[in-house]
Amino acid sequence: MFNVGIFRLNIDSFVTRETVPLSGEYPDGDGVVRRLVDVNRPVQGEGGELQGVEVGAKVGLSDFIDTPIWRDFGFDGSYTYSDSSQNAQNLSGEDLPFPDNSEQSMNAAVWYQGDRLQARVAWNYRTRRLSATYGAIPIYQDDAQYVDANITYDITDMVTVYANGSNIFGEIEDYFFEFEPGQEQFHSRNQFEPRYSVGIRARF
């Protein structure tokens, strides 16, 4: 299967996150409010737009060849270009992109589907995305990519053993302030270790 899709979304309002200064709600121990407190919380966005194109393919080699073993392999993949904007602006007066929307994202997976053995390795990549704002300063998550793997083996028609690996290369998510295009400052980091699991499934 090969697919192409064109999309456009006009969004009247949405929920996003923003760091805002609050006063009057967080008094000191003696009950007196002496300062503003920065709080990151959900806020109501004023609307935005997304438009772009997605292309993809799902291919099994058995559709083209009949060579033993090789015919059991296949490929899934997609690429999405998504341009976006919202009514909020950055410090330069430019429209910010829609929250959590990457301009480009790609997914690819190679799989094997035999009589008893199945295996799959998947790669996912996305360009930077707007994570939140600190006043008028946007906070972006940097480009990120993840690799996952799965293998299962049917011992019998009723019993299957499996092993999974998630984020097997230990991708680190970096976040940064953007004051102007090209002017960035480190904000924070999320570090997720690879996760592995093994198990057995049985049907009765």
N, C-alpha and C. Protein backbone atom coordinates (compact mmCIF):
# COMPACT_ATOMS: atom_id res chain seq x y z
N MET A 1 0.84 -1.19 0.00
CA MET A 1 0.00 0.00 0.00
C MET A 1 0.87 1.24 0.00
N PHE A 2 0.54 2.18 -0.86
CA PHE A 2 1.18 3.49 -0.89
C PHE A 2 0.09 4.54 -0.67
N ASN A 3 0.36 5.52 0.18
CA ASN A 3 -0.67 6.50 0.49
C ASN A 3 -0.09 7.91 0.52
N VAL A 4 -0.92 8.86 0.11
CA VAL A 4 -0.59 10.28 0.17
C VAL A 4 -1.80 11.01 0.74
N GLY A 5 -1.59 11.87 1.70
CA GLY A 5 -2.69 12.63 2.30
C GLY A 5 -2.31 14.10 2.46
N ILE A 6 -3.25 14.97 2.15
CA ILE A 6 -3.08 16.40 2.35
C ILE A 6 -4.09 16.84 3.40
N PHE A 7 -3.66 17.65 4.36
CA PHE A 7 -4.56 18.03 5.44
C PHE A 7 -4.43 19.51 5.78
N ARG A 8 -5.50 20.05 6.32
CA ARG A 8 -5.52 21.41 6.87
C ARG A 8 -6.51 21.44 8.02
N LEU A 9 -6.07 21.95 9.16
CA LEU A 9 -6.91 22.04 10.35
C LEU A 9 -6.95 23.48 10.82
N ASN A 10 -8.15 24.01 11.01
CA ASN A 10 -8.35 25.33 11.61
C ASN A 10 -8.91 25.11 13.02
N ILE A 11 -8.16 25.50 14.03
CA ILE A 11 -8.51 25.21 15.42
C ILE A 11 -8.88 26.51 16.12
N ASP A 12 -10.11 26.57 16.64
CA ASP A 12 -10.58 27.79 17.29
C ASP A 12 -9.88 28.05 18.61
N SER A 13 -9.70 27.00 19.42
CA SER A 13 -9.03 27.15 20.70
C SER A 13 -8.49 25.79 21.11
N PHE A 14 -7.56 25.80 22.05
CA PHE A 14 -6.92 24.56 22.47
C PHE A 14 -6.30 24.78 23.84
N VAL A 15 -5.95 23.68 24.50
CA VAL A 15 -5.30 23.74 25.81
C VAL A 15 -3.80 23.57 25.61
N THR A 16 -3.02 24.48 26.17
CA THR A 16 -1.57 24.39 26.11
C THR A 16 -1.01 24.70 27.49
N ARG A 17 0.31 24.74 27.62
CA ARG A 17 0.95 25.04 28.90
C ARG A 17 1.73 26.32 28.79
N GLU A 18 1.71 27.10 29.88
CA GLU A 18 2.43 28.36 29.90
C GLU A 18 2.89 28.65 31.31
N THR A 19 4.09 29.21 31.44
CA THR A 19 4.59 29.65 32.74
C THR A 19 4.17 31.09 32.96
N VAL A 20 3.36 31.31 33.99
CA VAL A 20 2.81 32.64 34.23
C VAL A 20 3.08 33.03 35.68
N PRO A 21 3.30 34.32 35.96
CA PRO A 21 3.49 34.79 37.34
C PRO A 21 2.13 34.98 38.01
N LEU A 22 2.00 34.46 39.21
CA LEU A 22 0.76 34.59 39.96
C LEU A 22 1.05 35.28 41.29
N SER A 23 0.13 36.07 41.74
CA SER A 23 0.25 36.71 43.05
C SER A 23 -1.10 36.59 43.77
N GLY A 24 -1.05 36.69 45.07
CA GLY A 24 -2.30 36.66 45.84
C GLY A 24 -2.76 35.27 46.19
N GLU A 25 -2.14 34.24 45.60
CA GLU A 25 -2.59 32.88 45.87
C GLU A 25 -1.58 32.09 46.68
N TYR A 26 -0.36 32.60 46.82
CA TYR A 26 0.67 31.84 47.49
C TYR A 26 1.35 32.70 48.56
N PRO A 27 0.70 32.88 49.71
CA PRO A 27 1.28 33.68 50.79
C PRO A 27 2.40 32.92 51.51
N ASP A 28 3.26 33.68 52.18
CA ASP A 28 4.27 33.07 53.04
C ASP A 28 3.60 32.47 54.26
N GLY A 29 4.43 31.91 55.17
CA GLY A 29 3.90 31.23 56.36
C GLY A 29 3.09 32.15 57.25
N ASP A 30 3.37 33.45 57.22
CA ASP A 30 2.62 34.38 58.06
C ASP A 30 1.38 34.92 57.37
N GLY A 31 1.06 34.39 56.17
CA GLY A 31 -0.16 34.81 55.47
C GLY A 31 0.01 36.02 54.59
N VAL A 32 1.24 36.57 54.47
CA VAL A 32 1.48 37.76 53.67
C VAL A 32 2.04 37.36 52.31
N VAL A 33 1.46 37.93 51.25
CA VAL A 33 1.98 37.70 49.90
C VAL A 33 3.06 38.73 49.61
N ARG A 34 4.29 38.30 49.41
CA ARG A 34 5.41 39.23 49.24
C ARG A 34 6.01 39.22 47.82
N ARG A 35 5.61 38.29 46.99
CA ARG A 35 6.26 38.21 45.68
C ARG A 35 5.37 37.44 44.71
N LEU A 36 5.72 37.60 43.45
CA LEU A 36 5.08 36.80 42.41
C LEU A 36 5.71 35.41 42.39
N VAL A 37 4.91 34.43 42.03
CA VAL A 37 5.39 33.06 41.94
C VAL A 37 5.13 32.56 40.52
N ASP A 38 6.19 32.06 39.85
CA ASP A 38 6.03 31.52 38.50
C ASP A 38 5.47 30.11 38.58
N VAL A 39 4.37 29.90 37.87
CA VAL A 39 3.70 28.60 37.88
C VAL A 39 3.48 28.15 36.44
N ASN A 40 3.86 26.92 36.14
CA ASN A 40 3.59 26.34 34.82
C ASN A 40 2.27 25.58 34.92
N ARG A 41 1.30 26.00 34.12
CA ARG A 41 -0.03 25.42 34.25
C ARG A 41 -0.73 25.41 32.89
N PRO A 42 -1.82 24.63 32.77
CA PRO A 42 -2.59 24.66 31.53
C PRO A 42 -3.28 26.02 31.35
N VAL A 43 -3.26 26.51 30.12
CA VAL A 43 -3.95 27.75 29.78
C VAL A 43 -4.71 27.51 28.48
N GLN A 44 -5.65 28.38 28.20
CA GLN A 44 -6.44 28.27 26.98
C GLN A 44 -5.76 29.01 25.84
N GLY A 45 -5.40 28.27 24.78
CA GLY A 45 -4.83 28.89 23.60
C GLY A 45 -5.93 29.55 22.77
N GLU A 46 -5.53 30.49 21.92
CA GLU A 46 -6.50 31.30 21.19
C GLU A 46 -6.79 30.77 19.78
N GLY A 47 -6.20 29.67 19.40
CA GLY A 47 -6.48 29.12 18.08
C GLY A 47 -5.23 29.01 17.24
N GLY A 48 -5.33 28.22 16.18
CA GLY A 48 -4.17 28.03 15.32
C GLY A 48 -4.53 27.25 14.07
N GLU A 49 -3.51 26.99 13.27
CA GLU A 49 -3.69 26.28 12.01
C GLU A 49 -2.58 25.26 11.83
N LEU A 50 -2.94 24.14 11.20
CA LEU A 50 -1.96 23.15 10.79
C LEU A 50 -2.30 22.73 9.37
N GLN A 51 -1.30 22.61 8.54
CA GLN A 51 -1.51 22.12 7.19
C GLN A 51 -0.24 21.42 6.71
N GLY A 52 -0.42 20.43 5.86
CA GLY A 52 0.75 19.71 5.39
C GLY A 52 0.39 18.52 4.54
N VAL A 53 1.35 17.62 4.42
CA VAL A 53 1.19 16.44 3.58
C VAL A 53 1.86 15.25 4.26
N GLU A 54 1.28 14.08 4.07
CA GLU A 54 1.85 12.84 4.60
C GLU A 54 1.92 11.82 3.48
N VAL A 55 3.07 11.16 3.37
CA VAL A 55 3.23 10.07 2.40
C VAL A 55 3.69 8.84 3.17
N GLY A 56 3.26 7.68 2.73
CA GLY A 56 3.61 6.46 3.44
C GLY A 56 3.56 5.25 2.54
N ALA A 57 4.13 4.16 3.04
CA ALA A 57 4.14 2.90 2.31
C ALA A 57 4.15 1.74 3.27
N LYS A 58 3.46 0.68 2.90
CA LYS A 58 3.51 -0.60 3.61
C LYS A 58 3.77 -1.66 2.56
N VAL A 59 4.94 -2.29 2.64
CA VAL A 59 5.38 -3.19 1.57
C VAL A 59 5.80 -4.53 2.17
N GLY A 60 5.24 -5.62 1.65
CA GLY A 60 5.69 -6.96 1.98
C GLY A 60 6.45 -7.53 0.79
N LEU A 61 7.65 -8.04 1.02
CA LEU A 61 8.45 -8.55 -0.09
C LEU A 61 7.79 -9.72 -0.79
N SER A 62 6.86 -10.39 -0.11
CA SER A 62 6.16 -11.51 -0.74
C SER A 62 5.32 -11.05 -1.92
N ASP A 63 5.04 -9.74 -2.02
CA ASP A 63 4.31 -9.23 -3.18
C ASP A 63 5.19 -9.19 -4.43
N PHE A 64 6.52 -9.32 -4.25
CA PHE A 64 7.44 -9.16 -5.38
C PHE A 64 8.32 -10.37 -5.62
N ILE A 65 8.66 -11.09 -4.56
CA ILE A 65 9.57 -12.24 -4.72
C ILE A 65 9.00 -13.44 -3.99
N ASP A 66 9.51 -14.63 -4.34
CA ASP A 66 9.08 -15.86 -3.70
C ASP A 66 10.26 -16.63 -3.14
N THR A 67 11.36 -15.91 -2.87
CA THR A 67 12.55 -16.55 -2.33
C THR A 67 12.33 -16.89 -0.86
N PRO A 68 12.58 -18.12 -0.46
CA PRO A 68 12.38 -18.48 0.96
C PRO A 68 13.13 -17.53 1.90
N ILE A 69 12.56 -17.28 3.04
CA ILE A 69 13.05 -16.40 4.10
C ILE A 69 12.91 -14.93 3.69
N TRP A 70 13.48 -14.51 2.56
CA TRP A 70 13.41 -13.10 2.17
C TRP A 70 11.98 -12.65 1.91
N ARG A 71 11.14 -13.54 1.45
CA ARG A 71 9.76 -13.15 1.17
C ARG A 71 8.99 -12.83 2.45
N ASP A 72 9.54 -13.22 3.61
CA ASP A 72 8.86 -12.97 4.88
C ASP A 72 9.18 -11.60 5.47
N PHE A 73 10.04 -10.83 4.81
CA PHE A 73 10.40 -9.50 5.29
C PHE A 73 9.46 -8.44 4.70
N GLY A 74 9.40 -7.30 5.38
CA GLY A 74 8.59 -6.19 4.88
C GLY A 74 9.05 -4.88 5.47
N PHE A 75 8.40 -3.81 5.01
CA PHE A 75 8.79 -2.46 5.42
C PHE A 75 7.55 -1.59 5.56
N ASP A 76 7.49 -0.80 6.64
CA ASP A 76 6.48 0.24 6.82
C ASP A 76 7.21 1.56 6.99
N GLY A 77 6.70 2.61 6.38
CA GLY A 77 7.35 3.90 6.55
C GLY A 77 6.41 5.04 6.23
N SER A 78 6.68 6.21 6.82
CA SER A 78 5.88 7.40 6.53
C SER A 78 6.72 8.64 6.78
N TYR A 79 6.35 9.70 6.08
CA TYR A 79 6.96 11.01 6.26
C TYR A 79 5.85 12.05 6.29
N THR A 80 5.91 12.95 7.26
CA THR A 80 4.89 13.99 7.40
C THR A 80 5.55 15.36 7.47
N TYR A 81 5.06 16.26 6.65
CA TYR A 81 5.43 17.67 6.74
C TYR A 81 4.21 18.43 7.24
N SER A 82 4.35 19.11 8.37
CA SER A 82 3.22 19.79 8.99
C SER A 82 3.62 21.20 9.38
N ASP A 83 3.23 22.17 8.57
CA ASP A 83 3.45 23.58 8.88
C ASP A 83 2.33 24.04 9.82
N SER A 84 2.65 24.90 10.76
CA SER A 84 1.62 25.28 11.73
C SER A 84 1.89 26.68 12.26
N SER A 85 0.86 27.27 12.85
CA SER A 85 0.98 28.58 13.51
C SER A 85 -0.15 28.73 14.50
N GLN A 86 0.02 29.63 15.45
CA GLN A 86 -1.03 29.98 16.39
C GLN A 86 -1.03 31.49 16.58
N ASN A 87 -2.00 31.98 17.32
CA ASN A 87 -2.15 33.42 17.47
C ASN A 87 -1.10 34.04 18.40
N ALA A 88 -0.46 33.25 19.24
CA ALA A 88 0.58 33.77 20.14
C ALA A 88 1.86 34.04 19.35
N GLN A 89 2.64 35.05 19.81
CA GLN A 89 3.87 35.43 19.13
C GLN A 89 5.08 35.27 20.05
N ASN A 90 6.26 35.15 19.42
CA ASN A 90 7.49 35.13 20.19
C ASN A 90 8.00 36.55 20.41
N LEU A 91 9.22 36.69 20.94
CA LEU A 91 9.76 38.01 21.25
C LEU A 91 10.00 38.85 20.01
N SER A 92 10.14 38.20 18.85
CA SER A 92 10.37 38.93 17.59
C SER A 92 9.07 39.30 16.91
N GLY A 93 7.93 38.94 17.51
CA GLY A 93 6.64 39.25 16.91
C GLY A 93 6.18 38.26 15.86
N GLU A 94 6.87 37.12 15.74
CA GLU A 94 6.48 36.09 14.78
C GLU A 94 5.52 35.10 15.43
N ASP A 95 4.60 34.57 14.63
CA ASP A 95 3.66 33.58 15.15
C ASP A 95 4.41 32.33 15.60
N LEU A 96 4.03 31.82 16.76
CA LEU A 96 4.61 30.57 17.25
C LEU A 96 3.97 29.39 16.52
N PRO A 97 4.68 28.28 16.41
CA PRO A 97 4.06 27.08 15.84
C PRO A 97 3.04 26.50 16.81
N PHE A 98 2.24 25.57 16.32
CA PHE A 98 1.24 24.93 17.18
C PHE A 98 1.95 24.04 18.20
N PRO A 99 1.49 24.02 19.47
CA PRO A 99 2.17 23.22 20.49
C PRO A 99 2.25 21.74 20.12
N ASP A 100 3.39 21.14 20.45
CA ASP A 100 3.63 19.70 20.27
C ASP A 100 3.62 19.26 18.81
N ASN A 101 3.68 20.20 17.88
CA ASN A 101 3.67 19.85 16.46
C ASN A 101 5.07 20.01 15.88
N SER A 102 5.64 18.92 15.39
CA SER A 102 6.91 18.97 14.70
C SER A 102 6.67 19.26 13.22
N GLU A 103 7.50 20.11 12.66
CA GLU A 103 7.34 20.42 11.24
C GLU A 103 7.58 19.19 10.38
N GLN A 104 8.52 18.34 10.79
CA GLN A 104 8.79 17.12 10.04
C GLN A 104 8.86 15.94 11.00
N SER A 105 8.30 14.83 10.58
CA SER A 105 8.41 13.60 11.35
C SER A 105 8.49 12.42 10.39
N MET A 106 9.25 11.41 10.81
CA MET A 106 9.45 10.22 9.98
C MET A 106 9.36 8.98 10.85
N ASN A 107 8.80 7.93 10.28
CA ASN A 107 8.69 6.64 10.94
C ASN A 107 9.06 5.55 9.95
N ALA A 108 9.84 4.59 10.40
CA ALA A 108 10.21 3.48 9.54
C ALA A 108 10.33 2.21 10.37
N ALA A 109 9.92 1.10 9.80
CA ALA A 109 10.00 -0.18 10.51
C ALA A 109 10.32 -1.28 9.50
N VAL A 110 11.23 -2.15 9.89
CA VAL A 110 11.53 -3.36 9.13
C VAL A 110 11.03 -4.54 9.94
N TRP A 111 10.28 -5.43 9.31
CA TRP A 111 9.70 -6.54 10.05
C TRP A 111 9.90 -7.88 9.32
N TYR A 112 9.83 -8.93 10.12
CA TYR A 112 9.91 -10.30 9.62
C TYR A 112 8.73 -11.07 10.18
N GLN A 113 8.01 -11.78 9.32
CA GLN A 113 6.82 -12.51 9.73
C GLN A 113 6.92 -13.93 9.20
N GLY A 114 7.52 -14.82 10.00
CA GLY A 114 7.63 -16.22 9.62
C GLY A 114 6.51 -17.05 10.19
N ASP A 115 6.61 -18.35 10.03
CA ASP A 115 5.57 -19.23 10.55
C ASP A 115 5.48 -19.17 12.07
N ARG A 116 6.65 -19.13 12.73
CA ARG A 116 6.66 -19.09 14.18
C ARG A 116 7.41 -17.87 14.74
N LEU A 117 8.35 -17.36 13.99
CA LEU A 117 9.16 -16.24 14.45
C LEU A 117 8.68 -14.94 13.83
N GLN A 118 8.51 -13.91 14.67
CA GLN A 118 8.17 -12.57 14.19
C GLN A 118 9.13 -11.58 14.86
N ALA A 119 9.59 -10.61 14.09
CA ALA A 119 10.52 -9.61 14.62
C ALA A 119 10.23 -8.27 13.95
N ARG A 120 10.49 -7.18 14.70
CA ARG A 120 10.22 -5.84 14.19
C ARG A 120 11.17 -4.86 14.84
N VAL A 121 11.78 -3.99 14.04
CA VAL A 121 12.61 -2.90 14.52
C VAL A 121 12.03 -1.61 13.96
N ALA A 122 11.72 -0.66 14.83
CA ALA A 122 11.06 0.57 14.41
C ALA A 122 11.90 1.79 14.82
N TRP A 123 11.94 2.78 13.92
CA TRP A 123 12.67 4.04 14.15
C TRP A 123 11.70 5.19 13.98
N ASN A 124 11.71 6.11 14.94
CA ASN A 124 10.84 7.28 14.89
C ASN A 124 11.68 8.53 15.09
N TYR A 125 11.42 9.55 14.27
CA TYR A 125 12.18 10.79 14.33
C TYR A 125 11.23 11.97 14.18
N ARG A 126 11.49 13.03 14.94
CA ARG A 126 10.71 14.25 14.81
C ARG A 126 11.62 15.46 15.04
N THR A 127 11.37 16.52 14.27
CA THR A 127 12.11 17.75 14.47
C THR A 127 11.59 18.46 15.72
N ARG A 128 12.21 19.56 16.05
CA ARG A 128 11.88 20.25 17.30
C ARG A 128 10.38 20.59 17.35
N ARG A 129 9.88 20.72 18.57
CA ARG A 129 8.47 21.05 18.76
C ARG A 129 8.34 22.04 19.90
N LEU A 130 7.32 22.89 19.82
CA LEU A 130 7.06 23.84 20.90
C LEU A 130 6.47 23.09 22.08
N SER A 131 7.16 23.16 23.22
CA SER A 131 6.71 22.43 24.41
C SER A 131 5.87 23.31 25.34
N ALA A 132 6.30 24.54 25.55
CA ALA A 132 5.60 25.45 26.45
C ALA A 132 6.14 26.86 26.20
N THR A 133 5.62 27.83 26.93
CA THR A 133 6.15 29.19 26.85
C THR A 133 6.39 29.71 28.27
N TYR A 134 7.39 30.57 28.39
CA TYR A 134 7.67 31.26 29.64
C TYR A 134 7.42 32.74 29.37
N GLY A 135 6.21 33.18 29.65
CA GLY A 135 5.80 34.50 29.20
C GLY A 135 5.72 34.49 27.68
N ALA A 136 6.53 35.35 27.03
CA ALA A 136 6.59 35.37 25.57
C ALA A 136 7.79 34.59 25.03
N ILE A 137 8.51 33.90 25.92
CA ILE A 137 9.70 33.14 25.49
C ILE A 137 9.30 31.69 25.24
N PRO A 138 9.43 31.20 24.02
CA PRO A 138 9.06 29.82 23.75
C PRO A 138 10.11 28.84 24.27
N ILE A 139 9.64 27.68 24.69
CA ILE A 139 10.50 26.59 25.11
C ILE A 139 10.28 25.44 24.14
N TYR A 140 11.34 25.01 23.48
CA TYR A 140 11.26 23.95 22.47
C TYR A 140 11.93 22.68 22.97
N GLN A 141 11.37 21.55 22.54
CA GLN A 141 12.10 20.29 22.66
C GLN A 141 12.91 20.11 21.39
N ASP A 142 14.17 19.75 21.54
CA ASP A 142 15.05 19.59 20.39
C ASP A 142 14.67 18.35 19.58
N ASP A 143 15.29 18.21 18.40
CA ASP A 143 15.07 17.02 17.58
C ASP A 143 15.25 15.76 18.43
N ALA A 144 14.46 14.75 18.14
CA ALA A 144 14.56 13.52 18.92
C ALA A 144 14.28 12.33 18.02
N GLN A 145 14.91 11.20 18.34
CA GLN A 145 14.66 9.97 17.60
C GLN A 145 14.73 8.79 18.57
N TYR A 146 13.94 7.77 18.27
CA TYR A 146 13.80 6.62 19.15
C TYR A 146 13.82 5.34 18.32
N VAL A 147 14.41 4.30 18.87
CA VAL A 147 14.45 3.00 18.22
C VAL A 147 13.89 1.96 19.18
N ASP A 148 12.90 1.20 18.72
CA ASP A 148 12.28 0.13 19.51
C ASP A 148 12.41 -1.18 18.74
N ALA A 149 12.41 -2.29 19.46
CA ALA A 149 12.52 -3.61 18.83
C ALA A 149 11.64 -4.60 19.56
N ASN A 150 11.16 -5.59 18.82
CA ASN A 150 10.31 -6.63 19.38
C ASN A 150 10.58 -7.94 18.64
N ILE A 151 10.61 -9.02 19.39
CA ILE A 151 10.73 -10.34 18.78
C ILE A 151 9.85 -11.31 19.54
N THR A 152 9.11 -12.14 18.82
CA THR A 152 8.25 -13.15 19.44
C THR A 152 8.47 -14.48 18.74
N TYR A 153 8.26 -15.55 19.49
CA TYR A 153 8.39 -16.89 18.91
C TYR A 153 7.27 -17.76 19.46
N ASP A 154 6.54 -18.38 18.54
CA ASP A 154 5.43 -19.26 18.91
C ASP A 154 5.99 -20.66 19.16
N ILE A 155 6.11 -21.03 20.43
CA ILE A 155 6.58 -22.37 20.76
C ILE A 155 5.57 -23.40 20.29
N THR A 156 4.32 -23.14 20.58
CA THR A 156 3.20 -23.93 20.06
C THR A 156 2.12 -22.95 19.62
N ASP A 157 1.01 -23.47 19.17
CA ASP A 157 -0.10 -22.60 18.80
C ASP A 157 -0.70 -21.91 20.02
N MET A 158 -0.38 -22.37 21.22
CA MET A 158 -0.96 -21.83 22.44
C MET A 158 0.03 -21.05 23.30
N VAL A 159 1.32 -21.21 23.05
CA VAL A 159 2.34 -20.61 23.92
C VAL A 159 3.32 -19.80 23.08
N THR A 160 3.56 -18.55 23.50
CA THR A 160 4.46 -17.64 22.80
C THR A 160 5.39 -16.98 23.80
N VAL A 161 6.67 -16.89 23.45
CA VAL A 161 7.62 -16.14 24.25
C VAL A 161 7.98 -14.86 23.48
N TYR A 162 8.33 -13.81 24.22
CA TYR A 162 8.60 -12.54 23.54
C TYR A 162 9.66 -11.75 24.30
N ALA A 163 10.27 -10.81 23.59
CA ALA A 163 11.22 -9.85 24.17
C ALA A 163 11.00 -8.50 23.51
N ASN A 164 10.97 -7.45 24.32
CA ASN A 164 10.76 -6.09 23.82
C ASN A 164 11.90 -5.18 24.28
N GLY A 165 12.26 -4.25 23.43
CA GLY A 165 13.22 -3.21 23.79
C GLY A 165 12.67 -1.86 23.39
N SER A 166 12.61 -0.92 24.32
CA SER A 166 12.06 0.42 24.05
C SER A 166 13.15 1.46 24.27
N ASN A 167 13.27 2.40 23.31
CA ASN A 167 14.31 3.43 23.37
C ASN A 167 15.68 2.80 23.61
N ILE A 168 16.02 1.84 22.78
CA ILE A 168 17.19 1.01 23.04
C ILE A 168 18.52 1.77 22.93
N PHE A 169 18.53 2.94 22.32
CA PHE A 169 19.75 3.75 22.27
C PHE A 169 19.76 4.86 23.32
N GLY A 170 18.77 4.88 24.20
CA GLY A 170 18.77 5.83 25.31
C GLY A 170 18.70 7.28 24.88
N GLU A 171 17.76 7.62 24.01
CA GLU A 171 17.63 9.01 23.54
C GLU A 171 17.37 9.96 24.70
N ILE A 172 18.02 11.12 24.68
CA ILE A 172 17.86 12.15 25.70
C ILE A 172 17.10 13.32 25.09
N GLU A 173 16.06 13.78 25.77
CA GLU A 173 15.25 14.90 25.29
C GLU A 173 15.80 16.20 25.89
N ASP A 174 16.29 17.09 25.04
CA ASP A 174 16.80 18.38 25.48
C ASP A 174 15.77 19.47 25.17
N TYR A 175 15.61 20.41 26.10
CA TYR A 175 14.70 21.53 25.95
C TYR A 175 15.51 22.83 26.02
N PHE A 176 15.08 23.84 25.27
CA PHE A 176 15.82 25.10 25.26
C PHE A 176 14.88 26.29 25.06
N PHE A 177 15.28 27.42 25.65
CA PHE A 177 14.62 28.70 25.37
C PHE A 177 15.07 29.19 24.00
N GLU A 178 14.17 29.85 23.26
CA GLU A 178 14.57 30.54 22.04
C GLU A 178 14.17 32.00 22.18
N PHE A 179 15.18 32.87 22.30
CA PHE A 179 14.91 34.30 22.44
C PHE A 179 14.69 34.94 21.08
N GLU A 180 15.51 34.58 20.11
CA GLU A 180 15.36 34.97 18.72
C GLU A 180 15.86 33.79 17.89
N PRO A 181 15.49 33.73 16.61
CA PRO A 181 16.02 32.66 15.77
C PRO A 181 17.55 32.61 15.83
N GLY A 182 18.08 31.48 16.25
CA GLY A 182 19.52 31.33 16.39
C GLY A 182 20.05 31.65 17.76
N GLN A 183 19.24 32.28 18.63
CA GLN A 183 19.64 32.60 20.00
C GLN A 183 18.92 31.64 20.94
N GLU A 184 19.64 30.65 21.43
CA GLU A 184 19.05 29.61 22.26
C GLU A 184 19.80 29.49 23.58
N GLN A 185 19.09 29.02 24.60
CA GLN A 185 19.69 28.79 25.91
C GLN A 185 19.10 27.52 26.49
N PHE A 186 19.96 26.69 27.05
CA PHE A 186 19.53 25.42 27.63
C PHE A 186 18.48 25.64 28.71
N HIS A 187 17.44 24.82 28.70
CA HIS A 187 16.37 24.92 29.70
C HIS A 187 16.36 23.71 30.63
N SER A 188 16.26 22.50 30.06
CA SER A 188 16.16 21.30 30.89
C SER A 188 16.41 20.08 30.03
N ARG A 189 16.39 18.93 30.69
CA ARG A 189 16.65 17.67 29.97
C ARG A 189 15.85 16.55 30.61
N ASN A 190 15.29 15.70 29.78
CA ASN A 190 14.68 14.46 30.22
C ASN A 190 15.52 13.30 29.71
N GLN A 191 15.96 12.46 30.62
CA GLN A 191 16.78 11.33 30.22
C GLN A 191 16.04 10.04 30.56
N PHE A 192 15.73 9.27 29.53
CA PHE A 192 15.01 8.02 29.71
C PHE A 192 15.95 6.87 29.35
N GLU A 193 16.13 5.97 30.26
CA GLU A 193 16.98 4.82 29.99
C GLU A 193 16.25 3.82 29.09
N PRO A 194 17.01 3.00 28.38
CA PRO A 194 16.35 1.92 27.61
C PRO A 194 15.58 1.01 28.56
N ARG A 195 14.49 0.47 28.04
CA ARG A 195 13.67 -0.45 28.84
C ARG A 195 13.53 -1.77 28.08
N TYR A 196 13.71 -2.85 28.79
CA TYR A 196 13.63 -4.18 28.18
C TYR A 196 12.65 -5.03 28.98
N SER A 197 11.99 -5.92 28.29
CA SER A 197 11.08 -6.84 28.96
C SER A 197 11.05 -8.16 28.20
N VAL A 198 10.90 -9.23 28.94
CA VAL A 198 10.74 -10.56 28.36
C VAL A 198 9.53 -11.20 29.03
N GLY A 199 8.88 -12.10 28.33
CA GLY A 199 7.71 -12.71 28.92
C GLY A 199 7.21 -13.88 28.11
N ILE A 200 6.12 -14.42 28.58
CA ILE A 200 5.50 -15.56 27.93
C ILE A 200 4.00 -15.35 27.94
N ARG A 201 3.35 -15.67 26.85
CA ARG A 201 1.88 -15.59 26.74
C ARG A 201 1.35 -16.98 26.45
N ALA A 202 0.26 -17.32 27.12
CA ALA A 202 -0.36 -18.63 26.91
C ALA A 202 -1.87 -18.47 26.79
N ARG A 203 -2.46 -19.25 25.92
CA ARG A 203 -3.91 -19.27 25.76
C ARG A 203 -4.43 -20.63 26.19
N PHE A 204 -5.58 -20.63 26.86
CA PHE A 204 -6.16 -21.87 27.34
C PHE A 204 -7.57 -22.04 26.78
